[in-house]
Amino acid sequence: MTIRQANLNDIEKIMKMYNSCVAGMIKIGIDQWDNTYPNKEIILHDIQNKTFYVITDENKIIAGINIDNKQDETYLAIDWEDKQDLFLVVHRLAVDER
């Protein structure tokens, strides 16, 4: 397995992986994601910002993740122990259902 930064040529394979992941989530009653989120535009934005990574196995994309320093507003009110704002946030972590 290899972890690498995604590129624009990966988008169709990434979306196929997300579709598989979402189908698996729905199958077990998790409705956090659907066919509107995460969508292609969001993932393209992540790739263009160089914050999206894929895990490949035998050249097949089996997982994806966005890592950046943008945190959800709900976390802004937390009195974090680390006051330096040196953090990374995981978004849209997905693994192919298969």
N, C-alpha and C. Protein backbone atom coordinates (compact mmCIF):
# COMPACT_ATOMS: atom_id res chain seq x y z
N MET A 1 0.83 -1.18 0.00
CA MET A 1 0.00 0.00 0.00
C MET A 1 0.88 1.24 0.00
N THR A 2 0.34 2.28 -0.63
CA THR A 2 1.06 3.54 -0.74
C THR A 2 0.12 4.69 -0.40
N ILE A 3 0.64 5.67 0.33
CA ILE A 3 -0.09 6.91 0.59
C ILE A 3 0.58 7.99 -0.25
N ARG A 4 -0.24 8.71 -1.00
CA ARG A 4 0.31 9.78 -1.84
C ARG A 4 -0.71 10.90 -1.98
N GLN A 5 -0.22 12.05 -2.38
CA GLN A 5 -1.09 13.19 -2.64
C GLN A 5 -1.91 12.89 -3.90
N ALA A 6 -3.19 13.18 -3.85
CA ALA A 6 -4.05 12.95 -5.01
C ALA A 6 -3.79 14.00 -6.09
N ASN A 7 -4.12 13.64 -7.32
CA ASN A 7 -4.04 14.61 -8.42
C ASN A 7 -5.36 14.59 -9.19
N LEU A 8 -5.53 15.55 -10.07
CA LEU A 8 -6.80 15.70 -10.79
C LEU A 8 -7.15 14.46 -11.61
N ASN A 9 -6.16 13.72 -12.06
CA ASN A 9 -6.43 12.50 -12.83
C ASN A 9 -7.08 11.41 -11.99
N ASP A 10 -7.03 11.54 -10.67
CA ASP A 10 -7.59 10.54 -9.77
C ASP A 10 -9.08 10.72 -9.49
N ILE A 11 -9.67 11.83 -9.90
CA ILE A 11 -10.99 12.21 -9.40
C ILE A 11 -12.06 11.14 -9.63
N GLU A 12 -12.12 10.53 -10.79
CA GLU A 12 -13.17 9.53 -11.05
C GLU A 12 -13.00 8.32 -10.14
N LYS A 13 -11.76 7.88 -9.95
CA LYS A 13 -11.51 6.74 -9.06
C LYS A 13 -11.82 7.10 -7.60
N ILE A 14 -11.52 8.33 -7.22
CA ILE A 14 -11.82 8.77 -5.86
C ILE A 14 -13.33 8.78 -5.64
N MET A 15 -14.08 9.29 -6.60
CA MET A 15 -15.53 9.34 -6.45
C MET A 15 -16.13 7.94 -6.43
N LYS A 16 -15.57 7.03 -7.19
CA LYS A 16 -16.02 5.63 -7.16
C LYS A 16 -15.79 5.04 -5.77
N MET A 17 -14.64 5.35 -5.17
CA MET A 17 -14.34 4.88 -3.83
C MET A 17 -15.33 5.47 -2.83
N TYR A 18 -15.62 6.78 -2.94
CA TYR A 18 -16.58 7.41 -2.04
C TYR A 18 -17.97 6.79 -2.20
N ASN A 19 -18.39 6.54 -3.44
CA ASN A 19 -19.69 5.92 -3.66
C ASN A 19 -19.78 4.57 -2.98
N SER A 20 -18.72 3.80 -3.05
CA SER A 20 -18.68 2.50 -2.37
C SER A 20 -18.76 2.67 -0.86
N CYS A 21 -18.01 3.61 -0.34
CA CYS A 21 -18.01 3.87 1.10
C CYS A 21 -19.40 4.29 1.58
N VAL A 22 -20.02 5.22 0.86
CA VAL A 22 -21.35 5.71 1.24
C VAL A 22 -22.37 4.58 1.19
N ALA A 23 -22.30 3.75 0.16
CA ALA A 23 -23.22 2.62 0.06
C ALA A 23 -23.07 1.69 1.26
N GLY A 24 -21.83 1.44 1.66
CA GLY A 24 -21.58 0.61 2.83
C GLY A 24 -22.11 1.23 4.11
N MET A 25 -21.96 2.53 4.24
CA MET A 25 -22.47 3.22 5.43
C MET A 25 -23.99 3.14 5.49
N ILE A 26 -24.64 3.40 4.37
CA ILE A 26 -26.10 3.36 4.32
C ILE A 26 -26.60 1.95 4.63
N LYS A 27 -25.88 0.96 4.13
CA LYS A 27 -26.26 -0.44 4.34
C LYS A 27 -26.33 -0.79 5.82
N ILE A 28 -25.46 -0.17 6.63
CA ILE A 28 -25.46 -0.49 8.07
C ILE A 28 -26.14 0.59 8.91
N GLY A 29 -26.88 1.47 8.24
CA GLY A 29 -27.70 2.44 8.96
C GLY A 29 -27.02 3.74 9.33
N ILE A 30 -25.87 4.04 8.73
CA ILE A 30 -25.18 5.30 9.00
C ILE A 30 -25.53 6.26 7.86
N ASP A 31 -26.18 7.38 8.21
CA ASP A 31 -26.62 8.31 7.17
C ASP A 31 -25.85 9.64 7.20
N GLN A 32 -24.62 9.59 7.67
CA GLN A 32 -23.79 10.79 7.76
C GLN A 32 -23.52 11.38 6.37
N TRP A 33 -23.31 10.54 5.38
CA TRP A 33 -23.04 10.97 4.01
C TRP A 33 -24.11 10.41 3.09
N ASP A 34 -24.24 11.03 1.92
CA ASP A 34 -25.17 10.53 0.91
C ASP A 34 -24.61 10.89 -0.46
N ASN A 35 -25.48 10.92 -1.48
CA ASN A 35 -24.97 11.20 -2.82
C ASN A 35 -24.72 12.69 -3.07
N THR A 36 -24.95 13.54 -2.05
CA THR A 36 -24.67 14.97 -2.21
C THR A 36 -23.42 15.42 -1.46
N TYR A 37 -22.98 14.63 -0.50
CA TYR A 37 -21.78 14.96 0.28
C TYR A 37 -21.08 13.67 0.70
N PRO A 38 -19.80 13.63 0.50
CA PRO A 38 -18.94 14.59 -0.19
C PRO A 38 -19.14 14.48 -1.70
N ASN A 39 -19.12 15.60 -2.37
CA ASN A 39 -19.34 15.59 -3.82
C ASN A 39 -18.04 15.90 -4.58
N LYS A 40 -18.13 15.77 -5.89
CA LYS A 40 -16.96 15.92 -6.75
C LYS A 40 -16.32 17.30 -6.62
N GLU A 41 -17.14 18.34 -6.51
CA GLU A 41 -16.61 19.70 -6.41
C GLU A 41 -15.77 19.88 -5.15
N ILE A 42 -16.24 19.32 -4.05
CA ILE A 42 -15.50 19.42 -2.78
C ILE A 42 -14.16 18.70 -2.89
N ILE A 43 -14.18 17.50 -3.45
CA ILE A 43 -12.94 16.73 -3.57
C ILE A 43 -11.98 17.41 -4.55
N LEU A 44 -12.50 17.94 -5.65
CA LEU A 44 -11.64 18.69 -6.58
C LEU A 44 -10.99 19.88 -5.89
N HIS A 45 -11.74 20.57 -5.07
CA HIS A 45 -11.20 21.70 -4.30
C HIS A 45 -10.07 21.23 -3.39
N ASP A 46 -10.29 20.10 -2.70
CA ASP A 46 -9.25 19.53 -1.83
C ASP A 46 -7.99 19.20 -2.63
N ILE A 47 -8.18 18.58 -3.79
CA ILE A 47 -7.03 18.20 -4.63
C ILE A 47 -6.28 19.46 -5.09
N GLN A 48 -7.02 20.46 -5.53
CA GLN A 48 -6.38 21.69 -6.00
C GLN A 48 -5.63 22.41 -4.88
N ASN A 49 -6.10 22.25 -3.65
CA ASN A 49 -5.42 22.84 -2.49
C ASN A 49 -4.29 21.95 -1.96
N LYS A 50 -4.10 20.81 -2.62
CA LYS A 50 -3.04 19.86 -2.24
C LYS A 50 -3.20 19.36 -0.81
N THR A 51 -4.45 19.14 -0.40
CA THR A 51 -4.72 18.64 0.95
C THR A 51 -5.39 17.27 0.93
N PHE A 52 -5.57 16.69 -0.26
CA PHE A 52 -6.24 15.39 -0.35
C PHE A 52 -5.22 14.31 -0.67
N TYR A 53 -5.32 13.22 0.07
CA TYR A 53 -4.39 12.10 -0.09
C TYR A 53 -5.18 10.83 -0.35
N VAL A 54 -4.57 9.92 -1.07
CA VAL A 54 -5.19 8.62 -1.33
C VAL A 54 -4.26 7.51 -0.86
N ILE A 55 -4.89 6.40 -0.53
CA ILE A 55 -4.14 5.18 -0.26
C ILE A 55 -4.43 4.25 -1.42
N THR A 56 -3.38 3.75 -2.04
CA THR A 56 -3.55 2.84 -3.17
C THR A 56 -3.01 1.47 -2.81
N ASP A 57 -3.62 0.47 -3.39
CA ASP A 57 -3.15 -0.91 -3.26
C ASP A 57 -3.20 -1.51 -4.66
N GLU A 58 -2.06 -1.89 -5.16
CA GLU A 58 -1.94 -2.40 -6.53
C GLU A 58 -2.56 -1.42 -7.52
N ASN A 59 -2.22 -0.16 -7.36
CA ASN A 59 -2.67 0.95 -8.23
C ASN A 59 -4.17 1.22 -8.16
N LYS A 60 -4.87 0.64 -7.20
CA LYS A 60 -6.30 0.92 -7.02
C LYS A 60 -6.46 1.83 -5.80
N ILE A 61 -7.25 2.89 -5.94
CA ILE A 61 -7.51 3.79 -4.81
C ILE A 61 -8.50 3.11 -3.88
N ILE A 62 -8.04 2.84 -2.65
CA ILE A 62 -8.89 2.14 -1.69
C ILE A 62 -9.33 3.03 -0.52
N ALA A 63 -8.73 4.22 -0.41
CA ALA A 63 -9.11 5.13 0.67
C ALA A 63 -8.69 6.54 0.30
N GLY A 64 -9.32 7.50 0.97
CA GLY A 64 -8.99 8.90 0.74
C GLY A 64 -9.21 9.71 2.01
N ILE A 65 -8.48 10.82 2.09
CA ILE A 65 -8.58 11.68 3.28
C ILE A 65 -8.14 13.10 2.93
N ASN A 66 -8.82 14.06 3.50
CA ASN A 66 -8.39 15.45 3.39
C ASN A 66 -7.79 15.85 4.74
N ILE A 67 -6.61 16.43 4.70
CA ILE A 67 -5.93 16.88 5.93
C ILE A 67 -5.55 18.34 5.74
N ASP A 68 -6.08 19.19 6.62
CA ASP A 68 -5.74 20.61 6.56
C ASP A 68 -5.84 21.21 7.96
N ASN A 69 -5.76 22.52 8.06
CA ASN A 69 -5.85 23.17 9.38
C ASN A 69 -7.16 23.93 9.55
N LYS A 70 -8.18 23.55 8.81
CA LYS A 70 -9.49 24.20 8.92
C LYS A 70 -10.39 23.36 9.83
N GLN A 71 -10.70 23.92 10.98
CA GLN A 71 -11.55 23.17 11.90
C GLN A 71 -12.99 23.65 11.86
N ASP A 72 -13.89 22.75 12.15
CA ASP A 72 -15.31 23.06 12.22
C ASP A 72 -15.55 24.10 13.30
N GLU A 73 -16.52 24.97 13.08
CA GLU A 73 -16.82 26.04 14.04
C GLU A 73 -17.12 25.51 15.44
N THR A 74 -17.67 24.31 15.53
CA THR A 74 -18.00 23.77 16.86
C THR A 74 -16.76 23.55 17.71
N TYR A 75 -15.61 23.41 17.08
CA TYR A 75 -14.37 23.19 17.83
C TYR A 75 -13.72 24.50 18.28
N LEU A 76 -14.14 25.61 17.72
CA LEU A 76 -13.52 26.90 18.05
C LEU A 76 -13.74 27.30 19.51
N ALA A 77 -14.83 26.87 20.10
CA ALA A 77 -15.16 27.25 21.48
C ALA A 77 -14.44 26.39 22.52
N ILE A 78 -13.79 25.34 22.09
CA ILE A 78 -13.10 24.45 23.03
C ILE A 78 -11.81 25.10 23.51
N ASP A 79 -11.55 25.01 24.80
CA ASP A 79 -10.32 25.54 25.39
C ASP A 79 -9.23 24.48 25.25
N TRP A 80 -8.61 24.43 24.08
CA TRP A 80 -7.59 23.42 23.81
C TRP A 80 -6.36 23.64 24.67
N GLU A 81 -5.72 22.57 25.05
CA GLU A 81 -4.50 22.66 25.84
C GLU A 81 -3.37 23.29 25.02
N ASP A 82 -3.28 22.93 23.75
CA ASP A 82 -2.27 23.49 22.86
C ASP A 82 -2.74 24.86 22.39
N LYS A 83 -2.08 25.90 22.78
CA LYS A 83 -2.47 27.27 22.44
C LYS A 83 -1.74 27.81 21.20
N GLN A 84 -0.88 27.00 20.59
CA GLN A 84 -0.07 27.48 19.48
C GLN A 84 -0.78 27.39 18.12
N ASP A 85 -1.93 26.79 18.10
CA ASP A 85 -2.67 26.60 16.85
C ASP A 85 -1.87 25.81 15.81
N LEU A 86 -1.04 24.92 16.28
CA LEU A 86 -0.30 24.03 15.38
C LEU A 86 -1.04 22.70 15.34
N PHE A 87 -1.98 22.59 14.43
CA PHE A 87 -2.80 21.39 14.39
C PHE A 87 -3.16 21.06 12.94
N LEU A 88 -3.56 19.84 12.74
CA LEU A 88 -4.12 19.41 11.46
C LEU A 88 -5.45 18.74 11.76
N VAL A 89 -6.37 18.84 10.83
CA VAL A 89 -7.70 18.29 11.01
C VAL A 89 -7.98 17.29 9.89
N VAL A 90 -8.55 16.16 10.26
CA VAL A 90 -8.93 15.12 9.30
C VAL A 90 -10.36 15.38 8.85
N HIS A 91 -10.56 15.40 7.54
CA HIS A 91 -11.89 15.55 6.95
C HIS A 91 -12.11 14.46 5.91
N ARG A 92 -13.33 14.01 5.78
CA ARG A 92 -13.76 13.15 4.68
C ARG A 92 -12.94 11.87 4.54
N LEU A 93 -12.53 11.29 5.66
CA LEU A 93 -11.83 10.01 5.63
C LEU A 93 -12.79 8.94 5.14
N ALA A 94 -12.41 8.23 4.11
CA ALA A 94 -13.28 7.20 3.54
C ALA A 94 -12.45 6.01 3.08
N VAL A 95 -13.04 4.83 3.22
CA VAL A 95 -12.41 3.59 2.77
C VAL A 95 -13.41 2.86 1.88
N ASP A 96 -12.92 2.36 0.76
CA ASP A 96 -13.77 1.60 -0.15
C ASP A 96 -14.41 0.44 0.61
N GLU A 97 -15.70 0.26 0.43
CA GLU A 97 -16.42 -0.80 1.14
C GLU A 97 -15.87 -2.18 0.81
N ARG A 98 -15.41 -2.34 -0.39
CA ARG A 98 -14.92 -3.66 -0.81
C ARG A 98 -13.60 -3.93 -0.17
